């Protein structure tokens, strides 16, 4: 593993530890608690992934006669250590998200709807139109759900194509993006368009039911196995769509497909994720900014101090 990536990995775990500390202090102050069983399950999961990573570390150090095989195992190990960090961060961050919801700042929903109207976009009309065209609804539903599939598929693709550093960059993008949207959403909370427009179709308002419960103080306990995405502005799905496509830029066969799929996923966030157009537009801006900043940090970290910094958009 290159020295700058190793340093970045250490920084990632330091950040996870810091967020965990914030979660613990905040939760104690407001009486927020986690279901013990789900905490144990989470610890077992992280420990299991860490054990697999440790095994891969041993395998990667074996002096294979076949150089290609040696590089493959080293690449798989390099990706797995970042998978461990991503899983740990996701669990800590989801708690941070719920704690953020409890701040109960005034809703900015009507502001976002006004922004949508200024662009000539009307969410309810768009939702009804999509529902009246089953094939479009199905295509958007598949595109929206692809976010979860891509989180699973991308490390496999990058391991097979020896692009471990691209995965490291993606995990950092994910961590920065998730933290950023939560910090923005705290002072500018918004109820889902599903809730605002009273949409109760399958997998609509029920997928964000925790928002009102934790915001109003009616719920204080969280089960880590049944968490929901409660951040509306900016859209994390939109940001991740940009990151997914960018991460696969060095895999020529897959990259064009990733661009198309994630463009469709961005569109799907409106009706399948209950997002306002303002959420999506802000997500595009935030996503581009995150990609640029993380790339700039990596480029600078990889450059010797006495050499000029290359373009942050260089491959």
C-alpha atoms as a PDB file:
ATOM      1  CA  UNK A   1       0.000   0.000   0.000  1.00  0.00           C
ATOM      2  CA  UNK A   2       1.459   3.409  -0.981  1.00  0.00           C
ATOM      3  CA  UNK A   3       2.542   5.580   1.926  1.00  0.00           C
ATOM      4  CA  UNK A   4      -0.034   8.311   1.261  1.00  0.00           C
ATOM      5  CA  UNK A   5      -2.880   5.767   1.124  1.00  0.00           C
ATOM      6  CA  UNK A   6      -1.670   4.230   4.393  1.00  0.00           C
ATOM      7  CA  UNK A   7      -1.705   7.660   6.003  1.00  0.00           C
ATOM      8  CA  UNK A   8      -5.188   8.293   4.626  1.00  0.00           C
ATOM      9  CA  UNK A   9      -6.366   4.976   6.072  1.00  0.00           C
ATOM     10  CA  UNK A  10      -5.106   5.953   9.497  1.00  0.00           C
ATOM     11  CA  UNK A  11      -6.854   9.312   9.191  1.00  0.00           C
ATOM     12  CA  UNK A  12     -10.096   7.548   8.233  1.00  0.00           C
ATOM     13  CA  UNK A  13     -10.065   5.455  11.406  1.00  0.00           C
ATOM     14  CA  UNK A  14      -9.199   8.515  13.469  1.00  0.00           C
ATOM     15  CA  UNK A  15     -12.243  10.257  12.009  1.00  0.00           C
ATOM     16  CA  UNK A  16     -14.439   7.224  12.759  1.00  0.00           C
ATOM     17  CA  UNK A  17     -13.223   7.235  16.358  1.00  0.00           C
ATOM     18  CA  UNK A  18     -13.941  10.968  16.642  1.00  0.00           C
ATOM     19  CA  UNK A  19     -17.483  10.556  15.303  1.00  0.00           C
ATOM     20  CA  UNK A  20     -18.053   7.636  17.680  1.00  0.00           C
ATOM     21  CA  UNK A  21     -16.966   9.847  20.575  1.00  0.00           C
ATOM     22  CA  UNK A  22     -19.368  12.585  19.455  1.00  0.00           C
ATOM     23  CA  UNK A  23     -22.172  10.017  19.183  1.00  0.00           C
ATOM     24  CA  UNK A  24     -21.538   8.713  22.698  1.00  0.00           C
ATOM     25  CA  UNK A  25     -21.377  12.136  24.355  1.00  0.00           C
ATOM     26  CA  UNK A  26     -24.403  13.455  22.460  1.00  0.00           C
ATOM     27  CA  UNK A  27     -26.470  10.320  23.126  1.00  0.00           C
ATOM     28  CA  UNK A  28     -25.725  10.430  26.856  1.00  0.00           C
ATOM     29  CA  UNK A  29     -26.707  14.092  27.084  1.00  0.00           C
ATOM     30  CA  UNK A  30     -30.148  13.615  25.478  1.00  0.00           C
ATOM     31  CA  UNK A  31     -31.006  10.111  26.695  1.00  0.00           C
ATOM     32  CA  UNK A  32     -30.634   8.515  23.266  1.00  0.00           C
ATOM     33  CA  UNK A  33     -29.874   4.790  23.348  1.00  0.00           C
ATOM     34  CA  UNK A  34     -29.167   1.876  21.027  1.00  0.00           C
ATOM     35  CA  UNK A  35     -30.743  -1.554  21.124  1.00  0.00           C
ATOM     36  CA  UNK A  36     -28.123  -3.774  22.779  1.00  0.00           C
ATOM     37  CA  UNK A  37     -28.790  -6.744  20.539  1.00  0.00           C
ATOM     38  CA  UNK A  38     -28.225  -4.684  17.394  1.00  0.00           C
ATOM     39  CA  UNK A  39     -25.002  -3.267  18.866  1.00  0.00           C
ATOM     40  CA  UNK A  40     -23.708  -6.784  19.490  1.00  0.00           C
ATOM     41  CA  UNK A  41     -24.655  -7.788  15.935  1.00  0.00           C
ATOM     42  CA  UNK A  42     -22.774  -4.776  14.591  1.00  0.00           C
ATOM     43  CA  UNK A  43     -19.667  -5.561  16.626  1.00  0.00           C
ATOM     44  CA  UNK A  44     -19.751  -9.181  15.442  1.00  0.00           C
ATOM     45  CA  UNK A  45     -20.070  -8.008  11.831  1.00  0.00           C
ATOM     46  CA  UNK A  46     -17.141  -5.602  12.067  1.00  0.00           C
ATOM     47  CA  UNK A  47     -15.052  -8.189  13.925  1.00  0.00           C
ATOM     48  CA  UNK A  48     -15.840 -10.787  11.266  1.00  0.00           C
ATOM     49  CA  UNK A  49     -14.801  -8.481   8.436  1.00  0.00           C
ATOM     50  CA  UNK A  50     -11.664  -7.535  10.363  1.00  0.00           C
ATOM     51  CA  UNK A  51     -10.830 -11.232  10.815  1.00  0.00           C
ATOM     52  CA  UNK A  52     -11.209 -11.853   7.079  1.00  0.00           C
ATOM     53  CA  UNK A  53      -9.003  -8.845   6.440  1.00  0.00           C
ATOM     54  CA  UNK A  54      -6.384 -10.253   8.795  1.00  0.00           C
ATOM     55  CA  UNK A  55      -6.456 -13.583   6.966  1.00  0.00           C
ATOM     56  CA  UNK A  56      -6.072 -11.802   3.640  1.00  0.00           C
ATOM     57  CA  UNK A  57      -3.108  -9.921   5.086  1.00  0.00           C
ATOM     58  CA  UNK A  58      -1.370 -13.236   5.754  1.00  0.00           C
ATOM     59  CA  UNK A  59      -2.258 -14.582   2.309  1.00  0.00           C
ATOM     60  CA  UNK A  60      -1.016 -11.395   0.627  1.00  0.00           C
ATOM     61  CA  UNK A  61       2.389 -11.753   2.308  1.00  0.00           C
ATOM     62  CA  UNK A  62       3.014 -15.263   0.975  1.00  0.00           C
ATOM     63  CA  UNK A  63       5.899 -15.194  -1.569  1.00  0.00           C
ATOM     64  CA  UNK A  64       4.048 -16.565  -4.613  1.00  0.00           C
ATOM     65  CA  UNK A  65       6.022 -17.685  -7.645  1.00  0.00           C
ATOM     66  CA  UNK A  66       3.279 -16.261  -9.854  1.00  0.00           C
ATOM     67  CA  UNK A  67       3.649 -12.464  -9.681  1.00  0.00           C
ATOM     68  CA  UNK A  68       0.143 -11.887 -11.040  1.00  0.00           C
ATOM     69  CA  UNK A  69      -1.386 -13.980  -8.254  1.00  0.00           C
ATOM     70  CA  UNK A  70       0.655 -12.118  -5.640  1.00  0.00           C
ATOM     71  CA  UNK A  71      -0.554  -8.743  -6.942  1.00  0.00           C
ATOM     72  CA  UNK A  72      -4.143 -10.004  -6.994  1.00  0.00           C
ATOM     73  CA  UNK A  73      -4.115 -11.022  -3.330  1.00  0.00           C
ATOM     74  CA  UNK A  74      -2.380  -7.796  -2.356  1.00  0.00           C
ATOM     75  CA  UNK A  75      -5.058  -5.847  -4.200  1.00  0.00           C
ATOM     76  CA  UNK A  76      -7.897  -7.793  -2.563  1.00  0.00           C
ATOM     77  CA  UNK A  77      -6.354  -7.190   0.859  1.00  0.00           C
ATOM     78  CA  UNK A  78      -5.959  -3.472   0.120  1.00  0.00           C
ATOM     79  CA  UNK A  79      -9.649  -3.247  -0.777  1.00  0.00           C
ATOM     80  CA  UNK A  80     -10.832  -5.311   2.197  1.00  0.00           C
ATOM     81  CA  UNK A  81      -9.188  -3.043   4.747  1.00  0.00           C
ATOM     82  CA  UNK A  82     -11.192  -0.171   3.282  1.00  0.00           C
ATOM     83  CA  UNK A  83     -14.375  -2.262   3.341  1.00  0.00           C
ATOM     84  CA  UNK A  84     -13.811  -2.728   7.079  1.00  0.00           C
ATOM     85  CA  UNK A  85     -13.474   1.023   7.541  1.00  0.00           C
ATOM     86  CA  UNK A  86     -16.568   1.713   5.425  1.00  0.00           C
ATOM     87  CA  UNK A  87     -18.745  -0.693   7.414  1.00  0.00           C
ATOM     88  CA  UNK A  88     -17.566   0.729  10.730  1.00  0.00           C
ATOM     89  CA  UNK A  89     -18.122   4.292   9.522  1.00  0.00           C
ATOM     90  CA  UNK A  90     -21.598   3.519   8.188  1.00  0.00           C
ATOM     91  CA  UNK A  91     -22.779   2.258  11.577  1.00  0.00           C
ATOM     92  CA  UNK A  92     -21.308   5.199  13.471  1.00  0.00           C
ATOM     93  CA  UNK A  93     -22.604   7.700  10.914  1.00  0.00           C
ATOM     94  CA  UNK A  94     -26.172   6.386  10.928  1.00  0.00           C
ATOM     95  CA  UNK A  95     -26.315   7.090  14.667  1.00  0.00           C
ATOM     96  CA  UNK A  96     -24.946  10.585  14.004  1.00  0.00           C
ATOM     97  CA  UNK A  97     -27.734  11.086  11.458  1.00  0.00           C
ATOM     98  CA  UNK A  98     -30.451  10.176  13.965  1.00  0.00           C
ATOM     99  CA  UNK A  99     -28.890  12.426  16.587  1.00  0.00           C
ATOM    100  CA  UNK A 100     -28.922  15.238  14.039  1.00  0.00           C
ATOM    101  CA  UNK A 101     -32.649  14.763  13.487  1.00  0.00           C
ATOM    102  CA  UNK A 102     -33.294  15.317  17.199  1.00  0.00           C
ATOM    103  CA  UNK A 103     -32.009  18.912  16.959  1.00  0.00           C
ATOM    104  CA  UNK A 104     -35.503  19.803  15.732  1.00  0.00           C
ATOM    105  CA  UNK A 105     -34.661  22.942  13.758  1.00  0.00           C
ATOM    106  CA  UNK A 106     -37.603  24.547  11.884  1.00  0.00           C
ATOM    107  CA  UNK A 107     -38.521  22.643   8.730  1.00  0.00           C
ATOM    108  CA  UNK A 108     -37.255  24.072   5.443  1.00  0.00           C
ATOM    109  CA  UNK A 109     -39.705  22.023   3.372  1.00  0.00           C
ATOM    110  CA  UNK A 110     -41.674  24.979   2.005  1.00  0.00           C
ATOM    111  CA  UNK A 111     -38.452  26.731   0.992  1.00  0.00           C
ATOM    112  CA  UNK A 112     -37.399  23.725  -1.079  1.00  0.00           C
ATOM    113  CA  UNK A 113     -40.849  23.472  -2.659  1.00  0.00           C
ATOM    114  CA  UNK A 114     -40.635  27.169  -3.566  1.00  0.00           C
ATOM    115  CA  UNK A 115     -37.237  26.560  -5.187  1.00  0.00           C
ATOM    116  CA  UNK A 116     -38.728  23.671  -7.146  1.00  0.00           C
ATOM    117  CA  UNK A 117     -41.573  25.885  -8.330  1.00  0.00           C
ATOM    118  CA  UNK A 118     -39.098  28.541  -9.455  1.00  0.00           C
ATOM    119  CA  UNK A 119     -37.609  25.903 -11.760  1.00  0.00           C
ATOM    120  CA  UNK A 120     -41.072  24.926 -12.979  1.00  0.00           C
ATOM    121  CA  UNK A 121     -40.949  21.583 -11.188  1.00  0.00           C
ATOM    122  CA  UNK A 122     -43.948  20.258  -9.278  1.00  0.00           C
ATOM    123  CA  UNK A 123     -43.222  17.126  -7.301  1.00  0.00           C
ATOM    124  CA  UNK A 124     -46.744  15.744  -6.892  1.00  0.00           C
ATOM    125  CA  UNK A 125     -47.533  16.079 -10.595  1.00  0.00           C
ATOM    126  CA  UNK A 126     -44.260  14.350 -11.467  1.00  0.00           C
ATOM    127  CA  UNK A 127     -44.936  11.530  -9.024  1.00  0.00           C
ATOM    128  CA  UNK A 128     -48.424  10.927 -10.398  1.00  0.00           C
ATOM    129  CA  UNK A 129     -47.100  10.945 -13.971  1.00  0.00           C
ATOM    130  CA  UNK A 130     -44.444   8.344 -13.155  1.00  0.00           C
ATOM    131  CA  UNK A 131     -47.017   6.193 -11.356  1.00  0.00           C
ATOM    132  CA  UNK A 132     -49.251   6.307 -14.431  1.00  0.00           C
ATOM    133  CA  UNK A 133     -46.441   4.844 -16.575  1.00  0.00           C
ATOM    134  CA  UNK A 134     -45.588   1.464 -14.992  1.00  0.00           C
ATOM    135  CA  UNK A 135     -42.545   0.770 -17.170  1.00  0.00           C
ATOM    136  CA  UNK A 136     -40.981   4.115 -16.252  1.00  0.00           C
ATOM    137  CA  UNK A 137     -41.770   3.525 -12.592  1.00  0.00           C
ATOM    138  CA  UNK A 138     -40.134   0.089 -12.746  1.00  0.00           C
ATOM    139  CA  UNK A 139     -37.022   1.422 -14.497  1.00  0.00           C
ATOM    140  CA  UNK A 140     -36.606   4.201 -11.939  1.00  0.00           C
ATOM    141  CA  UNK A 141     -37.187   1.797  -9.049  1.00  0.00           C
ATOM    142  CA  UNK A 142     -34.445  -0.510 -10.342  1.00  0.00           C
ATOM    143  CA  UNK A 143     -32.090   2.442 -10.839  1.00  0.00           C
ATOM    144  CA  UNK A 144     -32.739   3.713  -7.318  1.00  0.00           C
ATOM    145  CA  UNK A 145     -32.139   0.310  -5.751  1.00  0.00           C
ATOM    146  CA  UNK A 146     -28.928  -0.071  -7.741  1.00  0.00           C
ATOM    147  CA  UNK A 147     -27.203   2.128  -5.173  1.00  0.00           C
ATOM    148  CA  UNK A 148     -27.110  -0.786  -2.726  1.00  0.00           C
ATOM    149  CA  UNK A 149     -25.999  -3.202  -5.446  1.00  0.00           C
ATOM    150  CA  UNK A 150     -23.198  -0.895  -6.532  1.00  0.00           C
ATOM    151  CA  UNK A 151     -21.836  -0.672  -2.997  1.00  0.00           C
ATOM    152  CA  UNK A 152     -21.422  -4.450  -3.189  1.00  0.00           C
ATOM    153  CA  UNK A 153     -20.273  -4.706  -6.815  1.00  0.00           C
ATOM    154  CA  UNK A 154     -17.754  -1.862  -7.011  1.00  0.00           C
ATOM    155  CA  UNK A 155     -15.127  -3.372  -4.664  1.00  0.00           C
ATOM    156  CA  UNK A 156     -15.379  -6.670  -6.562  1.00  0.00           C
ATOM    157  CA  UNK A 157     -14.880  -4.925  -9.902  1.00  0.00           C
ATOM    158  CA  UNK A 158     -11.974  -2.846  -8.616  1.00  0.00           C
ATOM    159  CA  UNK A 159     -10.332  -5.875  -7.004  1.00  0.00           C
ATOM    160  CA  UNK A 160     -10.575  -7.813 -10.263  1.00  0.00           C
ATOM    161  CA  UNK A 161      -9.104  -4.898 -12.233  1.00  0.00           C
ATOM    162  CA  UNK A 162      -6.398  -4.001  -9.675  1.00  0.00           C
ATOM    163  CA  UNK A 163      -7.759  -0.556  -8.855  1.00  0.00           C
ATOM    164  CA  UNK A 164      -7.514  -0.651  -5.061  1.00  0.00           C
ATOM    165  CA  UNK A 165      -6.505   3.007  -4.787  1.00  0.00           C
ATOM    166  CA  UNK A 166      -9.697   4.026  -6.579  1.00  0.00           C
ATOM    167  CA  UNK A 167     -11.695   2.176  -3.932  1.00  0.00           C
ATOM    168  CA  UNK A 168      -9.773   3.905  -1.155  1.00  0.00           C
ATOM    169  CA  UNK A 169     -10.672   7.211  -2.773  1.00  0.00           C
ATOM    170  CA  UNK A 170     -14.329   6.167  -2.968  1.00  0.00           C
ATOM    171  CA  UNK A 171     -14.515   5.274   0.720  1.00  0.00           C
ATOM    172  CA  UNK A 172     -13.098   8.678   1.630  1.00  0.00           C
ATOM    173  CA  UNK A 173     -15.627  10.315  -0.711  1.00  0.00           C
ATOM    174  CA  UNK A 174     -18.404   8.359   0.998  1.00  0.00           C
ATOM    175  CA  UNK A 175     -17.277   9.400   4.465  1.00  0.00           C
ATOM    176  CA  UNK A 176     -16.954  13.061   3.524  1.00  0.00           C
ATOM    177  CA  UNK A 177     -20.284  13.054   1.663  1.00  0.00           C
ATOM    178  CA  UNK A 178     -22.300  11.409   4.425  1.00  0.00           C
ATOM    179  CA  UNK A 179     -20.856  13.698   7.081  1.00  0.00           C
ATOM    180  CA  UNK A 180     -21.394  16.780   4.932  1.00  0.00           C
ATOM    181  CA  UNK A 181     -25.056  16.094   4.159  1.00  0.00           C
ATOM    182  CA  UNK A 182     -25.847  15.428   7.821  1.00  0.00           C
ATOM    183  CA  UNK A 183     -24.184  18.664   8.922  1.00  0.00           C
ATOM    184  CA  UNK A 184     -26.122  20.597   6.261  1.00  0.00           C
ATOM    185  CA  UNK A 185     -29.404  18.833   7.006  1.00  0.00           C
ATOM    186  CA  UNK A 186     -29.278  19.648  10.727  1.00  0.00           C
ATOM    187  CA  UNK A 187     -30.058  23.385  10.356  1.00  0.00           C
ATOM    188  CA  UNK A 188     -32.091  22.803   7.171  1.00  0.00           C
ATOM    189  CA  UNK A 189     -34.254  19.741   7.883  1.00  0.00           C
ATOM    190  CA  UNK A 190     -37.075  18.768   5.567  1.00  0.00           C
ATOM    191  CA  UNK A 191     -39.706  16.096   5.710  1.00  0.00           C
ATOM    192  CA  UNK A 192     -39.743  13.748   2.737  1.00  0.00           C
ATOM    193  CA  UNK A 193     -41.945  14.694  -0.199  1.00  0.00           C
ATOM    194  CA  UNK A 194     -43.785  11.444   0.529  1.00  0.00           C
ATOM    195  CA  UNK A 195     -44.772  12.769   3.938  1.00  0.00           C
ATOM    196  CA  UNK A 196     -45.479  16.337   2.853  1.00  0.00           C
ATOM    197  CA  UNK A 197     -47.772  15.266   0.014  1.00  0.00           C
ATOM    198  CA  UNK A 198     -49.303  12.400   2.022  1.00  0.00           C
ATOM    199  CA  UNK A 199     -48.124   9.595  -0.260  1.00  0.00           C
ATOM    200  CA  UNK A 200     -48.747   6.208   1.331  1.00  0.00           C
ATOM    201  CA  UNK A 201     -48.046   3.838  -1.536  1.00  0.00           C
ATOM    202  CA  UNK A 202     -45.780   0.885  -0.838  1.00  0.00           C
ATOM    203  CA  UNK A 203     -42.197   1.882   0.097  1.00  0.00           C
ATOM    204  CA  UNK A 204     -42.955   5.597   0.310  1.00  0.00           C
ATOM    205  CA  UNK A 205     -43.828   7.418   3.564  1.00  0.00           C
ATOM    206  CA  UNK A 206     -43.210   4.270   5.604  1.00  0.00           C
ATOM    207  CA  UNK A 207     -39.508   4.347   4.645  1.00  0.00           C
ATOM    208  CA  UNK A 208     -38.984   7.647   6.503  1.00  0.00           C
ATOM    209  CA  UNK A 209     -41.358   7.144   9.434  1.00  0.00           C
ATOM    210  CA  UNK A 210     -38.532   7.580  11.958  1.00  0.00           C
ATOM    211  CA  UNK A 211     -38.065  11.235  10.989  1.00  0.00           C
ATOM    212  CA  UNK A 212     -41.093  12.570  12.858  1.00  0.00           C
ATOM    213  CA  UNK A 213     -40.697  10.128  15.757  1.00  0.00           C
ATOM    214  CA  UNK A 214     -37.133  11.147  16.603  1.00  0.00           C
ATOM    215  CA  UNK A 215     -37.577  14.799  15.630  1.00  0.00           C
ATOM    216  CA  UNK A 216     -40.547  15.235  17.978  1.00  0.00           C
ATOM    217  CA  UNK A 217     -38.932  13.251  20.786  1.00  0.00           C
ATOM    218  CA  UNK A 218     -41.424  10.374  20.673  1.00  0.00           C
ATOM    219  CA  UNK A 219     -38.629   7.853  20.091  1.00  0.00           C
ATOM    220  CA  UNK A 220     -35.320   7.578  21.926  1.00  0.00           C
ATOM    221  CA  UNK A 221     -34.100   4.058  21.092  1.00  0.00           C
ATOM    222  CA  UNK A 222     -32.574   2.964  17.794  1.00  0.00           C
ATOM    223  CA  UNK A 223     -32.232  -0.558  16.411  1.00  0.00           C
ATOM    224  CA  UNK A 224     -29.232  -0.603  14.069  1.00  0.00           C
ATOM    225  CA  UNK A 225     -30.776  -3.335  11.910  1.00  0.00           C
ATOM    226  CA  UNK A 226     -33.845  -1.254  10.983  1.00  0.00           C
ATOM    227  CA  UNK A 227     -32.423   2.198  10.305  1.00  0.00           C
ATOM    228  CA  UNK A 228     -33.733   4.623   7.687  1.00  0.00           C
ATOM    229  CA  UNK A 229     -32.195   7.358   5.569  1.00  0.00           C
ATOM    230  CA  UNK A 230     -33.630  10.585   6.984  1.00  0.00           C
ATOM    231  CA  UNK A 231     -31.544  13.261   5.265  1.00  0.00           C
ATOM    232  CA  UNK A 232     -33.342  15.111   2.493  1.00  0.00           C
ATOM    233  CA  UNK A 233     -31.181  18.138   1.623  1.00  0.00           C
ATOM    234  CA  UNK A 234     -28.830  17.607  -0.075  1.00  0.00           C
ATOM    235  CA  UNK A 235     -29.552  14.215  -1.632  1.00  0.00           C
ATOM    236  CA  UNK A 236     -26.928  11.655  -0.590  1.00  0.00           C
ATOM    237  CA  UNK A 237     -28.155   9.313  -3.332  1.00  0.00           C
ATOM    238  CA  UNK A 238     -27.313  11.979  -5.896  1.00  0.00           C
ATOM    239  CA  UNK A 239     -23.849  12.547  -4.456  1.00  0.00           C
ATOM    240  CA  UNK A 240     -23.115   8.823  -4.371  1.00  0.00           C
ATOM    241  CA  UNK A 241     -24.294   8.412  -7.961  1.00  0.00           C
ATOM    242  CA  UNK A 242     -21.559  10.827  -9.041  1.00  0.00           C
ATOM    243  CA  UNK A 243     -19.020   9.041  -6.836  1.00  0.00           C
ATOM    244  CA  UNK A 244     -20.013   5.600  -8.144  1.00  0.00           C
ATOM    245  CA  UNK A 245     -19.481   6.612 -11.753  1.00  0.00           C
ATOM    246  CA  UNK A 246     -16.249   8.473 -11.006  1.00  0.00           C
ATOM    247  CA  UNK A 247     -14.823   5.523  -9.067  1.00  0.00           C
ATOM    248  CA  UNK A 248     -15.196   3.254 -12.102  1.00  0.00           C
ATOM    249  CA  UNK A 249     -13.532   5.705 -14.510  1.00  0.00           C
ATOM    250  CA  UNK A 250     -10.491   3.445 -15.004  1.00  0.00           C
ATOM    251  CA  UNK A 251     -12.576   0.365 -15.872  1.00  0.00           C
ATOM    252  CA  UNK A 252     -13.243   1.085 -19.527  1.00  0.00           C
ATOM    253  CA  UNK A 253     -15.825  -1.625 -20.139  1.00  0.00           C
ATOM    254  CA  UNK A 254     -17.886  -0.758 -17.068  1.00  0.00           C
ATOM    255  CA  UNK A 255     -17.507   3.028 -16.932  1.00  0.00           C
ATOM    256  CA  UNK A 256     -19.976   3.933 -19.739  1.00  0.00           C
ATOM    257  CA  UNK A 257     -22.598   1.650 -18.194  1.00  0.00           C
ATOM    258  CA  UNK A 258     -21.946   3.185 -14.777  1.00  0.00           C
ATOM    259  CA  UNK A 259     -22.484   6.682 -16.168  1.00  0.00           C
ATOM    260  CA  UNK A 260     -25.840   5.736 -17.703  1.00  0.00           C
ATOM    261  CA  UNK A 261     -27.025   3.786 -14.653  1.00  0.00           C
ATOM    262  CA  UNK A 262     -26.088   6.521 -12.206  1.00  0.00           C
ATOM    263  CA  UNK A 263     -27.577   9.263 -14.360  1.00  0.00           C
ATOM    264  CA  UNK A 264     -30.817   7.298 -14.168  1.00  0.00           C
ATOM    265  CA  UNK A 265     -30.346   6.855 -10.427  1.00  0.00           C
ATOM    266  CA  UNK A 266     -30.085  10.625 -10.004  1.00  0.00           C
ATOM    267  CA  UNK A 267     -33.376  11.069 -11.853  1.00  0.00           C
ATOM    268  CA  UNK A 268     -34.973   8.315  -9.768  1.00  0.00           C
ATOM    269  CA  UNK A 269     -34.230  10.057  -6.467  1.00  0.00           C
ATOM    270  CA  UNK A 270     -37.107  12.454  -7.105  1.00  0.00           C
ATOM    271  CA  UNK A 271     -39.947   9.934  -7.196  1.00  0.00           C
ATOM    272  CA  UNK A 272     -38.342   6.811  -5.737  1.00  0.00           C
ATOM    273  CA  UNK A 273     -36.536   8.586  -2.902  1.00  0.00           C
ATOM    274  CA  UNK A 274     -39.088  11.276  -2.139  1.00  0.00           C
ATOM    275  CA  UNK A 275     -36.592  14.061  -2.810  1.00  0.00           C
ATOM    276  CA  UNK A 276     -37.306  17.594  -3.964  1.00  0.00           C
ATOM    277  CA  UNK A 277     -35.563  18.987  -7.028  1.00  0.00           C
ATOM    278  CA  UNK A 278     -33.656  21.308  -4.672  1.00  0.00           C
ATOM    279  CA  UNK A 279     -32.239  18.214  -2.950  1.00  0.00           C
ATOM    280  CA  UNK A 280     -30.994  16.783  -6.229  1.00  0.00           C
ATOM    281  CA  UNK A 281     -29.496  20.037  -7.530  1.00  0.00           C
ATOM    282  CA  UNK A 282     -27.674  20.656  -4.257  1.00  0.00           C
ATOM    283  CA  UNK A 283     -26.528  17.028  -4.335  1.00  0.00           C
ATOM    284  CA  UNK A 284     -24.970  17.533  -7.767  1.00  0.00           C
ATOM    285  CA  UNK A 285     -23.043  20.561  -6.526  1.00  0.00           C
ATOM    286  CA  UNK A 286     -21.976  18.866  -3.293  1.00  0.00           C
ATOM    287  CA  UNK A 287     -20.985  15.678  -5.122  1.00  0.00           C
ATOM    288  CA  UNK A 288     -18.784  17.496  -7.608  1.00  0.00           C
ATOM    289  CA  UNK A 289     -17.185  19.447  -4.749  1.00  0.00           C
ATOM    290  CA  UNK A 290     -16.491  16.302  -2.701  1.00  0.00           C
ATOM    291  CA  UNK A 291     -14.914  14.510  -5.663  1.00  0.00           C
ATOM    292  CA  UNK A 292     -12.727  17.536  -6.419  1.00  0.00           C
ATOM    293  CA  UNK A 293     -11.603  18.060  -2.818  1.00  0.00           C
ATOM    294  CA  UNK A 294     -10.797  14.392  -2.163  1.00  0.00           C
ATOM    295  CA  UNK A 295      -8.908  14.109  -5.456  1.00  0.00           C
ATOM    296  CA  UNK A 296      -6.961  17.255  -4.640  1.00  0.00           C
ATOM    297  CA  UNK A 297      -6.007  15.898  -1.221  1.00  0.00           C
ATOM    298  CA  UNK A 298      -4.860  12.586  -2.705  1.00  0.00           C
ATOM    299  CA  UNK A 299      -2.854  14.232  -5.481  1.00  0.00           C
ATOM    300  CA  UNK A 300      -1.094  16.536  -3.027  1.00  0.00           C
ATOM    301  CA  UNK A 301      -0.419  13.681  -0.604  1.00  0.00           C
ATOM    302  CA  UNK A 302       1.138  11.577  -3.368  1.00  0.00           C
ATOM    303  CA  UNK A 303       3.459  14.346  -4.581  1.00  0.00           C
ATOM    304  CA  UNK A 304       6.961  14.817  -3.114  1.00  0.00           C
ATOM    305  CA  UNK A 305       7.283  18.182  -1.382  1.00  0.00           C
ATOM    306  CA  UNK A 306       9.748  19.523  -3.955  1.00  0.00           C
ATOM    307  CA  UNK A 307       7.598  18.719  -6.995  1.00  0.00           C
ATOM    308  CA  UNK A 308       4.727  20.764  -8.455  1.00  0.00           C
ATOM    309  CA  UNK A 309       1.241  19.395  -7.882  1.00  0.00           C
ATOM    310  CA  UNK A 310      -0.373  17.750 -10.890  1.00  0.00           C
ATOM    311  CA  UNK A 311      -3.903  18.493 -12.024  1.00  0.00           C
ATOM    312  CA  UNK A 312      -6.484  17.201  -9.563  1.00  0.00           C
ATOM    313  CA  UNK A 313      -8.467  15.776 -12.481  1.00  0.00           C
ATOM    314  CA  UNK A 314      -5.556  13.736 -13.773  1.00  0.00           C
ATOM    315  CA  UNK A 315      -6.274   9.989 -13.851  1.00  0.00           C
END
